[in-house]
Amino acid sequence: MILKNVFKNNEQWIKDKLAVDSNYFEDLGKGQNPELLFIGCSDSRVTAEELMGLGPGDAFVHRNIANMVVGTDANGMSVVNYAVTHLKVKHVVVCGHYACGGVKAAMQSADLGVLNGWLRNIRDVYRMHHDELNAIECEDKKYDRLVELNVQEQCVNLIKTAAVQKAYRDRGLKVHGWVFDVHTGKLIDLKVDFEKYLKDIMEIYHLD
């Protein structure tokens, strides 16, 4: 059982860190100054810091089912506001992953109870890209593409927020969309055109 080993592993981790740097935890306790906010999926296979090769203090992390950015989600919006306005991160990353159970569940007709409202946001992404997705015959490739489009739309949702718009104007904050391939371990940059999306939505979503 994994749980039995947690505290033993923690003790070994402390020893390993102190062996390299005797001031490691003293420095860690002085505060944080991360350069990026990572918004990822809660999936147990997606370990945010590890897949980026980062350690404690390097990234501010928020995770939920299917890496969503929902304007009515007080938890997620609080994280975005704190990271962007107070920690002054330079980059915000939305990172999805292939074989995402949340994305796949959203496209099933089953009643998933409390999850229905959350997954409806992914169904909205499907609706917006209905023609492109329905033209893909292979179901696995269709789900992979929906994962990518979901990341793209969550980046757009970020761009709609006042905190992100202000940070872009004041100090050049950037929003990025990535996908983690669980089959290869590779991080894929979707190269979301942040400035283009910002320009496209400004007529409706501009916030001073």
Protein backbone atom coordinates (compact mmCIF):
# COMPACT_ATOMS: atom_id res chain seq x y z
CA MET A 1 0.00 0.00 0.00
CA ILE A 2 1.44 3.35 -1.11
CA LEU A 3 0.08 5.29 1.88
CA LYS A 4 2.18 3.24 4.32
CA ASN A 5 5.38 4.53 2.69
CA VAL A 6 4.51 8.23 2.47
CA PHE A 7 6.19 9.39 5.69
CA LYS A 8 9.19 7.14 5.17
CA ASN A 9 9.56 8.59 1.67
CA ASN A 10 9.24 12.08 3.10
CA GLU A 11 12.10 11.47 5.53
CA GLN A 12 14.30 10.22 2.71
CA TRP A 13 13.36 13.20 0.56
CA ILE A 14 14.39 15.58 3.35
CA LYS A 15 17.74 13.81 3.71
CA ASP A 16 18.33 13.94 -0.04
CA LYS A 17 17.58 17.66 -0.23
CA LEU A 18 19.76 18.54 2.75
CA ALA A 19 22.62 16.45 1.40
CA VAL A 20 22.72 18.70 -1.65
CA ASP A 21 21.92 22.00 0.09
CA SER A 22 21.92 22.34 3.87
CA ASN A 23 19.88 25.56 3.61
CA TYR A 24 17.25 24.12 1.28
CA PHE A 25 14.28 24.29 3.64
CA GLU A 26 15.41 27.52 5.27
CA ASP A 27 15.43 29.16 1.84
CA LEU A 28 12.10 27.54 0.93
CA GLY A 29 10.51 29.09 4.01
CA LYS A 30 11.47 32.62 2.95
CA GLY A 31 8.69 32.81 0.37
CA GLN A 32 7.90 32.05 -3.22
CA ASN A 33 8.62 33.82 -6.49
CA PRO A 34 7.35 31.53 -9.26
CA GLU A 35 7.54 32.65 -12.90
CA LEU A 36 4.54 30.69 -14.06
CA LEU A 37 1.05 29.62 -13.12
CA PHE A 38 0.33 26.07 -14.30
CA ILE A 39 -3.33 25.13 -14.73
CA GLY A 40 -3.53 21.40 -15.30
CA CYS A 41 -5.75 18.36 -14.95
CA SER A 42 -6.22 16.52 -11.65
CA ASP A 43 -5.35 13.24 -13.40
CA SER A 44 -2.87 11.28 -11.25
CA ARG A 45 -0.59 10.71 -14.26
CA VAL A 46 0.04 14.42 -14.77
CA THR A 47 2.62 15.56 -12.23
CA ALA A 48 3.04 19.26 -12.94
CA GLU A 49 6.48 20.07 -11.56
CA GLU A 50 8.01 16.73 -12.50
CA LEU A 51 7.01 16.80 -16.17
CA MET A 52 8.50 20.31 -16.47
CA GLY A 53 11.65 19.41 -14.55
CA LEU A 54 10.86 21.98 -11.85
CA GLY A 55 10.96 21.85 -8.07
CA PRO A 56 9.14 23.43 -5.10
CA GLY A 57 8.80 27.19 -5.50
CA ASP A 58 9.23 27.18 -9.28
CA ALA A 59 5.56 27.04 -10.31
CA PHE A 60 2.23 28.04 -8.82
CA VAL A 61 -0.11 25.14 -9.60
CA HIS A 62 -3.87 24.76 -9.91
CA ARG A 63 -5.47 21.50 -11.01
CA ASN A 64 -9.04 20.44 -11.67
CA ILE A 65 -10.90 17.95 -13.83
CA ALA A 66 -9.94 18.58 -17.48
CA ASN A 67 -7.89 21.73 -16.77
CA MET A 68 -10.83 24.12 -16.99
CA VAL A 69 -10.87 27.90 -16.57
CA VAL A 70 -14.45 28.73 -15.62
CA GLY A 71 -15.45 32.29 -14.80
CA THR A 72 -17.93 31.21 -12.12
CA ASP A 73 -15.41 28.95 -10.36
CA ALA A 74 -14.37 31.03 -7.33
CA ASN A 75 -11.53 28.65 -6.51
CA GLY A 76 -9.95 28.81 -9.96
CA MET A 77 -10.48 32.54 -10.37
CA SER A 78 -8.92 33.18 -6.95
CA VAL A 79 -5.85 31.21 -7.98
CA VAL A 80 -5.54 33.14 -11.24
CA ASN A 81 -5.98 36.48 -9.50
CA TYR A 82 -3.49 35.69 -6.75
CA ALA A 83 -0.85 34.35 -9.12
CA VAL A 84 -1.18 37.15 -11.67
CA THR A 85 -1.87 40.14 -9.43
CA HIS A 86 0.11 39.34 -6.28
CA LEU A 87 2.81 36.85 -7.26
CA LYS A 88 3.15 38.61 -10.62
CA VAL A 89 3.88 35.47 -12.62
CA LYS A 90 5.19 36.14 -16.13
CA HIS A 91 3.46 33.22 -17.82
CA VAL A 92 0.17 31.37 -17.40
CA VAL A 93 0.03 27.85 -18.86
CA VAL A 94 -3.07 25.76 -19.48
CA CYS A 95 -1.90 22.16 -19.87
CA GLY A 96 -4.23 19.40 -21.01
CA HIS A 97 -3.30 15.80 -21.71
CA TYR A 98 -4.23 13.10 -24.17
CA ALA A 99 -6.38 10.24 -22.85
CA CYS A 100 -8.12 12.71 -20.53
CA GLY A 101 -10.95 10.95 -18.70
CA GLY A 102 -12.78 14.22 -18.08
CA VAL A 103 -12.87 15.09 -21.78
CA LYS A 104 -14.02 11.59 -22.69
CA ALA A 105 -16.68 11.56 -19.95
CA ALA A 106 -18.05 14.87 -21.20
CA MET A 107 -18.89 13.25 -24.52
CA GLN A 108 -20.80 10.32 -23.02
CA SER A 109 -24.57 10.43 -22.59
CA ALA A 110 -24.45 9.03 -19.04
CA ASP A 111 -25.73 11.08 -16.11
CA LEU A 112 -22.64 11.80 -14.00
CA GLY A 113 -24.41 13.60 -11.19
CA VAL A 114 -22.55 16.56 -9.73
CA LEU A 115 -20.04 16.37 -12.58
CA ASN A 116 -22.68 17.23 -15.18
CA GLY A 117 -22.41 21.00 -14.70
CA TRP A 118 -18.61 20.97 -14.82
CA LEU A 119 -18.35 18.74 -17.88
CA ARG A 120 -20.96 20.83 -19.70
CA ASN A 121 -18.16 23.35 -20.26
CA ILE A 122 -16.33 20.76 -22.35
CA ARG A 123 -19.50 19.98 -24.27
CA ASP A 124 -19.64 23.69 -25.08
CA VAL A 125 -16.15 23.41 -26.58
CA TYR A 126 -17.37 20.50 -28.71
CA ARG A 127 -20.37 22.56 -29.82
CA MET A 128 -18.14 25.45 -30.88
CA HIS A 129 -15.93 23.13 -32.96
CA HIS A 130 -18.65 20.69 -33.99
CA ASP A 131 -17.88 20.61 -37.73
CA GLU A 132 -14.14 20.04 -37.35
CA LEU A 133 -14.55 17.31 -34.74
CA ASN A 134 -17.32 15.45 -36.55
CA ALA A 135 -15.14 15.30 -39.65
CA ILE A 136 -12.62 13.15 -37.74
CA GLU A 137 -13.58 9.49 -38.18
CA CYS A 138 -11.15 7.91 -35.70
CA GLU A 139 -12.63 8.26 -32.20
CA ASP A 140 -9.22 8.37 -30.48
CA LYS A 141 -8.00 11.15 -32.79
CA LYS A 142 -11.27 13.00 -32.26
CA TYR A 143 -10.76 12.94 -28.48
CA ASP A 144 -7.14 14.04 -28.88
CA ARG A 145 -8.27 16.99 -30.98
CA LEU A 146 -10.98 17.86 -28.44
CA VAL A 147 -8.27 17.88 -25.74
CA GLU A 148 -6.31 20.41 -27.82
CA LEU A 149 -9.35 22.55 -28.57
CA ASN A 150 -10.33 22.50 -24.90
CA VAL A 151 -6.89 23.84 -23.95
CA GLN A 152 -7.27 26.54 -26.59
CA GLU A 153 -10.68 27.62 -25.29
CA GLN A 154 -9.50 27.67 -21.67
CA CYS A 155 -6.68 29.98 -22.76
CA VAL A 156 -9.32 32.24 -24.30
CA ASN A 157 -11.25 32.15 -21.01
CA LEU A 158 -8.09 33.31 -19.24
CA ILE A 159 -7.67 36.15 -21.69
CA LYS A 160 -11.20 37.32 -20.88
CA THR A 161 -10.26 38.03 -17.24
CA ALA A 162 -9.42 41.51 -15.99
CA ALA A 163 -6.31 40.33 -14.12
CA VAL A 164 -4.74 38.78 -17.22
CA GLN A 165 -5.62 41.73 -19.45
CA LYS A 166 -4.15 44.22 -16.99
CA ALA A 167 -0.97 42.18 -16.49
CA TYR A 168 -0.54 41.95 -20.27
CA ARG A 169 -0.83 45.72 -20.62
CA ASP A 170 1.35 46.53 -17.62
CA ARG A 171 4.13 43.96 -17.90
CA GLY A 172 3.68 41.70 -20.91
CA LEU A 173 2.16 38.61 -19.28
CA LYS A 174 1.74 35.72 -21.73
CA VAL A 175 -0.76 32.85 -21.86
CA HIS A 176 0.31 29.48 -23.27
CA GLY A 177 -1.52 26.29 -24.21
CA TRP A 178 0.24 22.93 -23.87
CA VAL A 179 -0.69 19.27 -24.08
CA PHE A 180 1.08 16.45 -22.25
CA ASP A 181 1.25 13.21 -24.21
CA VAL A 182 0.87 10.48 -21.59
CA HIS A 183 1.98 7.88 -24.16
CA THR A 184 5.39 9.45 -24.81
CA GLY A 185 5.94 11.86 -21.90
CA LYS A 186 6.35 14.75 -24.33
CA LEU A 187 5.07 18.27 -23.69
CA ILE A 188 3.58 19.81 -26.82
CA ASP A 189 3.28 23.57 -27.25
CA LEU A 190 0.05 24.31 -29.15
CA LYS A 191 1.44 27.75 -29.93
CA VAL A 192 -1.77 29.52 -29.00
CA ASP A 193 -1.70 32.97 -30.63
CA PHE A 194 -2.24 34.97 -27.45
CA GLU A 195 -2.11 38.41 -29.07
CA LYS A 196 -4.52 37.40 -31.86
CA TYR A 197 -7.10 36.04 -29.44
CA LEU A 198 -6.71 39.10 -27.24
CA LYS A 199 -7.34 41.36 -30.22
CA ASP A 200 -10.30 39.29 -31.43
CA ILE A 201 -12.16 39.36 -28.12
CA MET A 202 -11.39 42.93 -27.06
CA GLU A 203 -14.56 44.43 -28.51
CA ILE A 204 -16.68 42.33 -26.16
CA TYR A 205 -14.42 41.33 -23.29
CA HIS A 206 -12.20 44.39 -22.81
CA LEU A 207 -11.91 45.27 -19.12
CA ASP A 208 -10.11 48.38 -17.82
